[in-house]
């Protein structure tokens, strides 16, 4: 996980928050969904792309957790 950055912004979709940072190496924004018990990240060039990719990444993560019988959320997450 990258260190906290003053330039990070938060994006929220359907009650799930993600930290967004710009990755100059690839010229895209990278998002990391917060509060999950594992990593789920996504990329996009626009806010619309980020919203779609956040939802897609979250859906995949939740599906995998359900298949494996794993709680997808950190216990301390509220």
N, C-alpha and C. Protein backbone atom coordinates (compact mmCIF):
# COMPACT_ATOMS: atom_id res chain seq x y z
N UNK A 1 0.84 -1.17 0.00
CA UNK A 1 0.00 0.00 0.00
C UNK A 1 0.89 1.23 0.00
N UNK A 2 0.48 2.24 -0.76
CA UNK A 2 1.25 3.47 -0.84
C UNK A 2 1.04 4.30 0.42
N UNK A 3 2.03 5.12 0.79
CA UNK A 3 1.85 6.00 1.94
C UNK A 3 0.77 7.04 1.65
N UNK A 4 0.20 7.56 2.73
CA UNK A 4 -0.82 8.59 2.58
C UNK A 4 -0.23 9.77 1.82
N UNK A 5 -1.05 10.40 1.02
CA UNK A 5 -0.61 11.51 0.20
C UNK A 5 -1.61 12.64 0.34
N UNK A 6 -1.12 13.86 0.49
CA UNK A 6 -2.01 15.01 0.63
C UNK A 6 -2.86 15.22 -0.61
N UNK A 7 -2.44 14.69 -1.75
CA UNK A 7 -3.16 14.88 -3.00
C UNK A 7 -4.24 13.82 -3.22
N UNK A 8 -4.39 12.87 -2.31
CA UNK A 8 -5.41 11.84 -2.45
C UNK A 8 -6.79 12.44 -2.29
N UNK A 9 -7.73 11.86 -3.02
CA UNK A 9 -9.13 12.24 -2.85
C UNK A 9 -9.93 10.98 -2.56
N UNK A 10 -11.10 11.15 -2.00
CA UNK A 10 -11.98 10.02 -1.73
C UNK A 10 -13.11 10.01 -2.74
N UNK A 11 -13.46 8.84 -3.19
CA UNK A 11 -14.59 8.63 -4.09
C UNK A 11 -15.50 7.63 -3.41
N UNK A 12 -16.81 7.89 -3.43
CA UNK A 12 -17.76 6.98 -2.80
C UNK A 12 -18.79 6.53 -3.83
N UNK A 13 -19.01 5.22 -3.88
CA UNK A 13 -20.01 4.63 -4.75
C UNK A 13 -20.77 3.59 -3.93
N UNK A 14 -22.08 3.76 -3.86
CA UNK A 14 -22.95 2.83 -3.14
C UNK A 14 -22.46 2.55 -1.72
N UNK A 15 -21.99 3.60 -1.04
CA UNK A 15 -21.56 3.47 0.34
C UNK A 15 -20.15 2.95 0.54
N UNK A 16 -19.46 2.62 -0.53
CA UNK A 16 -18.08 2.15 -0.44
C UNK A 16 -17.14 3.27 -0.84
N UNK A 17 -16.13 3.50 -0.02
CA UNK A 17 -15.18 4.58 -0.29
C UNK A 17 -13.88 4.03 -0.84
N UNK A 18 -13.25 4.84 -1.68
CA UNK A 18 -11.95 4.49 -2.24
C UNK A 18 -11.06 5.71 -2.23
N UNK A 19 -9.78 5.47 -1.97
CA UNK A 19 -8.79 6.54 -2.04
C UNK A 19 -8.26 6.58 -3.47
N UNK A 20 -8.23 7.77 -4.04
CA UNK A 20 -7.79 7.95 -5.43
C UNK A 20 -6.51 8.76 -5.46
N UNK A 21 -5.52 8.26 -6.19
CA UNK A 21 -4.26 8.96 -6.41
C UNK A 21 -3.96 8.95 -7.90
N UNK A 22 -3.20 9.93 -8.35
CA UNK A 22 -2.79 9.97 -9.75
C UNK A 22 -1.45 9.27 -9.90
N UNK A 23 -1.36 8.36 -10.85
CA UNK A 23 -0.12 7.65 -11.14
C UNK A 23 0.47 8.23 -12.43
N UNK A 24 1.43 9.11 -12.28
CA UNK A 24 2.03 9.79 -13.43
C UNK A 24 2.76 8.82 -14.36
N UNK A 25 3.22 7.69 -13.81
CA UNK A 25 3.94 6.72 -14.64
C UNK A 25 3.06 6.12 -15.73
N UNK A 26 1.78 5.99 -15.46
CA UNK A 26 0.87 5.40 -16.46
C UNK A 26 -0.17 6.41 -16.96
N UNK A 27 -0.17 7.61 -16.40
CA UNK A 27 -1.09 8.65 -16.85
C UNK A 27 -2.55 8.35 -16.52
N UNK A 28 -2.77 7.66 -15.40
CA UNK A 28 -4.13 7.31 -14.99
C UNK A 28 -4.28 7.50 -13.49
N UNK A 29 -5.52 7.54 -13.05
CA UNK A 29 -5.81 7.56 -11.63
C UNK A 29 -5.93 6.12 -11.15
N UNK A 30 -5.44 5.88 -9.93
CA UNK A 30 -5.53 4.56 -9.30
C UNK A 30 -6.36 4.69 -8.04
N UNK A 31 -7.33 3.81 -7.90
CA UNK A 31 -8.16 3.81 -6.71
C UNK A 31 -7.95 2.54 -5.90
N UNK A 32 -8.05 2.68 -4.59
CA UNK A 32 -7.97 1.54 -3.68
C UNK A 32 -9.19 1.58 -2.78
N UNK A 33 -9.99 0.53 -2.81
CA UNK A 33 -11.21 0.47 -2.01
C UNK A 33 -10.82 0.29 -0.55
N UNK A 34 -11.40 1.11 0.30
CA UNK A 34 -11.08 1.12 1.72
C UNK A 34 -12.01 0.19 2.50
N UNK A 35 -11.51 -0.31 3.62
CA UNK A 35 -12.32 -1.09 4.54
C UNK A 35 -12.48 -2.55 4.21
N UNK A 36 -11.77 -3.03 3.20
CA UNK A 36 -11.86 -4.44 2.84
C UNK A 36 -10.76 -5.22 3.53
N UNK A 37 -10.97 -6.52 3.67
CA UNK A 37 -9.95 -7.35 4.34
C UNK A 37 -8.86 -7.81 3.38
N UNK A 38 -8.88 -7.31 2.17
CA UNK A 38 -7.89 -7.62 1.16
C UNK A 38 -7.78 -6.46 0.20
N UNK A 39 -6.94 -6.59 -0.78
CA UNK A 39 -6.73 -5.51 -1.73
C UNK A 39 -7.70 -5.56 -2.90
N UNK A 40 -8.26 -4.42 -3.22
CA UNK A 40 -9.11 -4.29 -4.41
C UNK A 40 -8.85 -2.91 -4.98
N UNK A 41 -8.13 -2.87 -6.10
CA UNK A 41 -7.84 -1.58 -6.70
C UNK A 41 -8.38 -1.52 -8.12
N UNK A 42 -8.31 -0.34 -8.70
CA UNK A 42 -8.89 -0.10 -10.03
C UNK A 42 -8.24 1.14 -10.62
N UNK A 43 -8.40 1.30 -11.93
CA UNK A 43 -7.78 2.41 -12.65
C UNK A 43 -8.79 3.08 -13.57
N UNK A 44 -8.57 4.37 -13.83
CA UNK A 44 -9.41 5.09 -14.78
C UNK A 44 -8.80 6.43 -15.11
N UNK A 45 -9.25 7.00 -16.22
CA UNK A 45 -8.76 8.31 -16.65
C UNK A 45 -9.73 9.43 -16.29
N UNK A 46 -10.99 9.09 -16.05
CA UNK A 46 -12.00 10.10 -15.73
C UNK A 46 -12.77 9.65 -14.49
N UNK A 47 -13.52 10.58 -13.90
CA UNK A 47 -14.32 10.20 -12.74
C UNK A 47 -15.38 9.17 -13.12
N UNK A 48 -15.94 9.29 -14.31
CA UNK A 48 -16.92 8.30 -14.75
C UNK A 48 -16.29 6.91 -14.85
N UNK A 49 -15.10 6.83 -15.43
CA UNK A 49 -14.39 5.55 -15.52
C UNK A 49 -14.08 5.00 -14.13
N UNK A 50 -13.64 5.88 -13.22
CA UNK A 50 -13.32 5.45 -11.87
C UNK A 50 -14.53 4.88 -11.15
N UNK A 51 -15.68 5.52 -11.31
CA UNK A 51 -16.90 5.02 -10.67
C UNK A 51 -17.28 3.64 -11.19
N UNK A 52 -17.20 3.46 -12.50
CA UNK A 52 -17.53 2.16 -13.10
C UNK A 52 -16.54 1.10 -12.64
N UNK A 53 -15.25 1.43 -12.68
CA UNK A 53 -14.22 0.45 -12.31
C UNK A 53 -14.23 0.15 -10.82
N UNK A 54 -14.58 1.13 -9.97
CA UNK A 54 -14.73 0.86 -8.54
C UNK A 54 -15.81 -0.19 -8.34
N UNK A 55 -16.95 0.01 -8.97
CA UNK A 55 -18.07 -0.93 -8.85
C UNK A 55 -17.67 -2.31 -9.37
N UNK A 56 -17.01 -2.37 -10.51
CA UNK A 56 -16.59 -3.66 -11.08
C UNK A 56 -15.61 -4.38 -10.16
N UNK A 57 -14.61 -3.65 -9.67
CA UNK A 57 -13.62 -4.25 -8.79
C UNK A 57 -14.25 -4.73 -7.49
N UNK A 58 -15.15 -3.94 -6.93
CA UNK A 58 -15.83 -4.33 -5.70
C UNK A 58 -16.68 -5.58 -5.92
N UNK A 59 -17.42 -5.61 -7.03
CA UNK A 59 -18.26 -6.78 -7.32
C UNK A 59 -17.44 -8.06 -7.42
N UNK A 60 -16.30 -7.99 -8.10
CA UNK A 60 -15.43 -9.16 -8.23
C UNK A 60 -14.90 -9.58 -6.86
N UNK A 61 -14.44 -8.61 -6.07
CA UNK A 61 -13.92 -8.91 -4.74
C UNK A 61 -14.98 -9.56 -3.87
N UNK A 62 -16.20 -9.00 -3.86
CA UNK A 62 -17.27 -9.56 -3.05
C UNK A 62 -17.68 -10.95 -3.51
N UNK A 63 -17.71 -11.18 -4.82
CA UNK A 63 -18.04 -12.50 -5.36
C UNK A 63 -17.02 -13.54 -4.91
N UNK A 64 -15.74 -13.20 -4.98
CA UNK A 64 -14.68 -14.13 -4.57
C UNK A 64 -14.80 -14.44 -3.09
N UNK A 65 -15.04 -13.41 -2.28
CA UNK A 65 -15.18 -13.62 -0.84
C UNK A 65 -16.38 -14.53 -0.55
N UNK A 66 -17.47 -14.32 -1.27
CA UNK A 66 -18.66 -15.15 -1.06
C UNK A 66 -18.37 -16.61 -1.43
N UNK A 67 -17.70 -16.82 -2.56
CA UNK A 67 -17.36 -18.17 -3.00
C UNK A 67 -16.49 -18.90 -1.98
N UNK A 68 -15.58 -18.15 -1.33
CA UNK A 68 -14.65 -18.75 -0.39
C UNK A 68 -15.14 -18.71 1.05
N UNK A 69 -16.32 -18.11 1.28
CA UNK A 69 -16.86 -18.02 2.62
C UNK A 69 -16.09 -17.08 3.54
N UNK A 70 -15.54 -16.03 2.96
CA UNK A 70 -14.71 -15.08 3.70
C UNK A 70 -15.50 -13.78 3.91
N UNK A 71 -15.39 -13.21 5.11
CA UNK A 71 -15.97 -11.90 5.37
C UNK A 71 -15.16 -10.86 4.58
N UNK A 72 -15.79 -10.11 3.67
CA UNK A 72 -15.03 -9.18 2.83
C UNK A 72 -14.57 -7.91 3.53
N UNK A 73 -15.11 -7.62 4.70
CA UNK A 73 -14.81 -6.35 5.36
C UNK A 73 -13.94 -6.53 6.58
N UNK A 74 -13.10 -5.55 6.82
CA UNK A 74 -12.32 -5.52 8.05
C UNK A 74 -13.28 -5.40 9.22
N UNK A 75 -12.98 -6.06 10.29
CA UNK A 75 -13.86 -6.01 11.45
C UNK A 75 -13.94 -4.63 12.05
N UNK A 76 -12.88 -3.83 11.94
CA UNK A 76 -12.87 -2.50 12.52
C UNK A 76 -13.46 -1.45 11.60
N UNK A 77 -13.87 -1.86 10.38
CA UNK A 77 -14.41 -0.91 9.41
C UNK A 77 -15.84 -0.56 9.75
N UNK A 78 -16.14 0.75 9.71
CA UNK A 78 -17.51 1.18 9.97
C UNK A 78 -17.97 2.16 8.93
